[in-house]
Amino acid sequence: MKEYLVHTYEEAIDVIKEIGFLPLANLIPNYPSLDSITAKKNWYTGSELDPWLWRAKFPIDGAAAYGKFIKKKSVLISSELLPLFRAILGSPLPVSDRYQDGVISREAVELYLLISENEGIDTRLLKVQAGMKDKEKKKAFDNALLELQSSMDIVVSGTKAKTNEAGEKNGWNSTSFETMNYWAENHRLDESLIKKEDAKMKLRDHFAAICSPDAMKAFNKLFGF
């Protein structure tokens, strides 16, 4: 597979558009990740060359959807390929119906409803509104967010700075979330229905054209091509 070396945010967007799927860290054998195609010295520097800051810019600009969509790992999916991933990993049924069918947790439903009523809500406020701020509820909260991301019901919409009463930055940035439907609509993505098997065929052909045999084997296992 082609090797990439990225220095700027714009170059990273070009790579995502070209290959369609970019994990933040190593996930697929012999396949790029954001940390493998960027200089280690630039990470966590807070500069415009910091890939850790880019991860929140991709969804804001609509260049890629960002979230823990695959194996509980953070990945970037291009806007072009997103409908295919959603057809494979998502569900045509509303969250409420899936809860009645027993395939999604009560906590996930509650968080989804709160996010849909407060698009772009950050995790600090979401915990408070969900009544899950206490330490003993952290695991349930985190698991519910993972559920909603793995089913592609929600997407990271960016990050929000923690500030004090004077409006000064105070502490780490907090991740914010939107429903995937809201994000897709805002960025004018093609939301026409795609059959799951058709999506698998198109995604398989896409990766087969750019991947090594080892990478393709991993994609086959992930998506059931």
Protein backbone atom coordinates (compact mmCIF):
# COMPACT_ATOMS: atom_id res chain seq x y z
CA MET A 1 0.00 0.00 0.00
CA LYS A 2 1.14 3.55 -0.69
CA GLU A 3 3.07 5.21 2.15
CA TYR A 4 2.04 8.62 3.39
CA LEU A 5 3.88 11.38 5.25
CA VAL A 6 1.70 14.20 6.48
CA HIS A 7 2.81 17.56 7.87
CA THR A 8 -0.32 19.71 7.75
CA TYR A 9 -4.03 19.42 8.45
CA GLU A 10 -4.80 19.99 4.77
CA GLU A 11 -2.52 17.10 3.78
CA ALA A 12 -4.28 14.86 6.30
CA ILE A 13 -7.65 15.73 4.72
CA ASP A 14 -6.24 14.70 1.32
CA VAL A 15 -5.21 11.30 2.73
CA ILE A 16 -8.62 10.73 4.31
CA LYS A 17 -10.34 11.62 1.03
CA GLU A 18 -8.07 9.22 -0.84
CA ILE A 19 -8.28 6.15 1.41
CA GLY A 20 -11.61 6.88 3.11
CA PHE A 21 -10.83 5.34 6.49
CA LEU A 22 -8.09 6.41 8.89
CA PRO A 23 -7.75 5.13 12.47
CA LEU A 24 -6.05 7.44 14.95
CA ALA A 25 -3.71 4.64 16.08
CA ASN A 26 -2.71 1.30 14.59
CA LEU A 27 -5.79 -0.86 14.03
CA ILE A 28 -5.37 -2.64 10.68
CA PRO A 29 -2.11 -4.50 9.76
CA ASN A 30 -0.09 -2.77 7.03
CA TYR A 31 -2.58 0.09 6.89
CA PRO A 32 -2.07 3.77 7.74
CA SER A 33 -3.16 5.46 10.95
CA LEU A 34 -2.96 9.14 11.83
CA ASP A 35 -0.10 8.53 14.25
CA SER A 36 1.84 6.47 11.70
CA ILE A 37 1.74 9.12 8.96
CA THR A 38 2.58 12.12 11.15
CA ALA A 39 5.68 13.16 13.10
CA LYS A 40 5.62 12.05 16.74
CA LYS A 41 7.25 15.34 17.79
CA ASN A 42 4.16 17.30 16.70
CA TRP A 43 1.65 15.41 18.87
CA TYR A 44 0.27 17.16 21.98
CA THR A 45 2.19 20.36 21.25
CA GLY A 46 -0.91 22.51 20.88
CA SER A 47 0.43 23.94 17.61
CA GLU A 48 -1.31 23.98 14.24
CA LEU A 49 0.80 20.95 13.35
CA ASP A 50 -0.59 18.89 16.25
CA PRO A 51 -2.58 15.90 14.88
CA TRP A 52 -4.30 15.51 18.26
CA LEU A 53 -5.99 18.87 17.68
CA TRP A 54 -6.82 18.00 14.06
CA ARG A 55 -9.06 15.14 15.20
CA ALA A 56 -11.64 17.68 16.40
CA LYS A 57 -11.35 19.81 13.26
CA PHE A 58 -12.23 17.05 10.77
CA PRO A 59 -15.86 16.70 11.96
CA ILE A 60 -16.28 20.47 12.35
CA ASP A 61 -15.22 21.00 8.73
CA GLY A 62 -17.23 18.01 7.51
CA ALA A 63 -14.09 16.39 6.09
CA ALA A 64 -14.62 13.20 8.09
CA ALA A 65 -16.82 11.70 10.76
CA TYR A 66 -14.88 11.01 13.97
CA GLY A 67 -15.70 8.61 16.75
CA LYS A 68 -15.13 5.20 18.29
CA PHE A 69 -16.99 3.44 15.51
CA ILE A 70 -14.78 0.33 15.12
CA LYS A 71 -13.72 -2.05 17.91
CA LYS A 72 -14.10 0.79 20.47
CA LYS A 73 -11.23 2.62 18.75
CA SER A 74 -11.22 6.19 17.45
CA VAL A 75 -11.34 6.37 13.66
CA LEU A 76 -11.96 8.91 10.91
CA ILE A 77 -14.31 8.05 8.05
CA SER A 78 -14.51 10.22 4.95
CA SER A 79 -17.82 11.84 4.11
CA GLU A 80 -17.83 9.91 0.83
CA LEU A 81 -17.60 6.47 2.48
CA LEU A 82 -19.68 7.26 5.55
CA PRO A 83 -23.02 6.12 4.04
CA LEU A 84 -21.47 2.71 3.31
CA PHE A 85 -20.17 2.34 6.87
CA ARG A 86 -23.54 3.38 8.27
CA ALA A 87 -25.35 0.82 6.12
CA ILE A 88 -23.07 -1.93 7.47
CA LEU A 89 -22.63 -0.92 11.12
CA GLY A 90 -25.81 1.04 11.77
CA SER A 91 -29.46 0.09 12.00
CA PRO A 92 -32.52 1.26 10.05
CA LEU A 93 -34.57 1.01 13.26
CA PRO A 94 -35.01 3.97 15.62
CA VAL A 95 -33.20 3.82 18.96
CA SER A 96 -36.51 3.40 20.81
CA ASP A 97 -37.43 0.33 18.73
CA ARG A 98 -34.03 -1.24 19.31
CA TYR A 99 -34.44 -0.73 23.06
CA GLN A 100 -37.78 -2.53 22.94
CA ASP A 101 -36.06 -5.34 21.03
CA GLY A 102 -33.41 -5.56 23.76
CA VAL A 103 -30.44 -4.72 21.55
CA ILE A 104 -29.52 -1.39 23.13
CA SER A 105 -29.22 -0.36 26.78
CA ARG A 106 -31.52 2.01 28.65
CA GLU A 107 -28.56 4.30 29.37
CA ALA A 108 -27.75 4.52 25.66
CA VAL A 109 -31.34 5.49 24.84
CA GLU A 110 -31.33 8.17 27.54
CA LEU A 111 -28.05 9.65 26.30
CA TYR A 112 -29.23 9.56 22.70
CA LEU A 113 -32.39 11.49 23.56
CA LEU A 114 -30.39 14.09 25.49
CA ILE A 115 -27.90 14.50 22.63
CA SER A 116 -30.70 14.80 20.07
CA GLU A 117 -32.30 17.54 22.19
CA ASN A 118 -28.96 19.32 22.73
CA GLU A 119 -26.94 18.79 19.55
CA GLY A 120 -23.25 19.50 20.19
CA ILE A 121 -23.54 18.90 23.96
CA ASP A 122 -20.24 18.26 25.72
CA THR A 123 -19.65 15.24 27.94
CA ARG A 124 -19.49 17.25 31.18
CA LEU A 125 -22.96 18.69 30.69
CA LEU A 126 -24.27 15.39 29.30
CA LYS A 127 -23.25 13.58 32.50
CA VAL A 128 -25.03 16.17 34.61
CA GLN A 129 -28.24 16.09 32.57
CA ALA A 130 -28.24 12.28 32.53
CA GLY A 131 -27.72 12.13 36.29
CA MET A 132 -24.51 10.15 35.74
CA LYS A 133 -21.90 12.49 37.21
CA ASP A 134 -21.04 10.21 40.15
CA LYS A 135 -17.95 8.01 39.88
CA GLU A 136 -19.94 4.79 40.25
CA LYS A 137 -21.87 5.67 37.10
CA LYS A 138 -18.80 6.43 34.97
CA LYS A 139 -18.58 2.93 33.48
CA ALA A 140 -22.26 2.89 32.49
CA PHE A 141 -21.91 6.36 30.96
CA ASP A 142 -18.78 5.45 28.98
CA ASN A 143 -20.30 2.16 27.79
CA ALA A 144 -23.47 3.90 26.62
CA LEU A 145 -21.44 6.40 24.59
CA LEU A 146 -19.49 3.50 23.06
CA GLU A 147 -22.74 1.73 22.18
CA LEU A 148 -24.06 4.78 20.36
CA GLN A 149 -20.81 5.34 18.49
CA SER A 150 -20.38 1.70 17.44
CA SER A 151 -23.91 1.73 16.01
CA MET A 152 -23.12 5.08 14.36
CA ASP A 153 -26.02 6.84 16.07
CA ILE A 154 -23.77 9.62 17.36
CA VAL A 155 -20.58 11.31 16.20
CA VAL A 156 -17.97 13.50 17.87
CA SER A 157 -18.81 17.03 16.81
CA GLY A 158 -15.69 18.67 18.27
CA THR A 159 -14.28 19.67 21.63
CA LYS A 160 -15.19 22.39 24.09
CA ALA A 161 -12.80 24.15 26.46
CA LYS A 162 -13.45 24.03 30.18
CA THR A 163 -13.58 27.56 31.53
CA ASN A 164 -13.88 29.19 34.95
CA GLU A 165 -16.37 31.89 35.98
CA ALA A 166 -14.15 34.54 34.41
CA GLY A 167 -14.31 32.75 31.07
CA GLU A 168 -10.66 31.67 31.23
CA LYS A 169 -9.63 28.21 30.09
CA ASN A 170 -9.40 25.92 33.09
CA GLY A 171 -8.59 22.24 32.53
CA TRP A 172 -8.77 19.78 29.64
CA ASN A 173 -11.08 20.18 26.67
CA SER A 174 -14.25 18.10 26.73
CA THR A 175 -15.54 16.03 23.81
CA SER A 176 -18.89 17.09 22.38
CA PHE A 177 -21.40 14.93 20.51
CA GLU A 178 -24.12 15.24 17.89
CA THR A 179 -26.49 12.67 16.46
CA MET A 180 -25.13 11.23 13.22
CA ASN A 181 -28.30 12.27 11.40
CA TYR A 182 -27.82 15.88 12.47
CA TRP A 183 -24.14 15.87 11.51
CA ALA A 184 -24.81 14.29 8.12
CA GLU A 185 -27.60 16.74 7.35
CA ASN A 186 -25.47 19.75 8.34
CA HIS A 187 -22.70 18.65 6.01
CA ARG A 188 -25.11 17.74 3.19
CA LEU A 189 -24.16 14.08 2.99
CA ASP A 190 -26.00 11.74 0.68
CA GLU A 191 -28.39 9.93 3.01
CA SER A 192 -30.17 7.82 0.40
CA LEU A 193 -30.78 4.30 1.68
CA ILE A 194 -28.18 1.70 0.74
CA LYS A 195 -28.73 -2.00 1.21
CA LYS A 196 -26.27 -3.61 3.60
CA GLU A 197 -25.00 -6.18 1.08
CA ASP A 198 -24.55 -3.50 -1.60
CA ALA A 199 -22.59 -1.39 0.88
CA LYS A 200 -20.37 -4.35 1.74
CA MET A 201 -19.65 -4.98 -1.93
CA LYS A 202 -18.75 -1.34 -2.62
CA LEU A 203 -16.57 -1.06 0.49
CA ARG A 204 -14.85 -4.35 -0.28
CA ASP A 205 -14.02 -3.17 -3.80
CA HIS A 206 -12.71 0.14 -2.44
CA PHE A 207 -10.32 -1.48 0.03
CA ALA A 208 -9.30 -4.27 -2.35
CA ALA A 209 -7.97 -1.62 -4.73
CA ILE A 210 -5.70 0.02 -2.14
CA CYS A 211 -4.90 -2.57 0.56
CA SER A 212 -2.30 -5.25 1.11
CA PRO A 213 -3.51 -8.86 1.56
CA ASP A 214 -2.96 -8.60 5.35
CA ALA A 215 -5.01 -5.41 5.59
CA MET A 216 -7.73 -6.86 3.39
CA LYS A 217 -7.95 -9.94 5.59
CA ALA A 218 -8.54 -7.69 8.61
CA PHE A 219 -11.23 -5.70 6.78
CA ASN A 220 -12.92 -8.94 5.72
CA LYS A 221 -13.09 -9.99 9.37
CA LEU A 222 -14.36 -6.60 10.55
CA PHE A 223 -17.13 -6.16 8.00
CA GLY A 224 -17.92 -9.69 6.89
CA PHE A 225 -17.13 -9.09 3.22
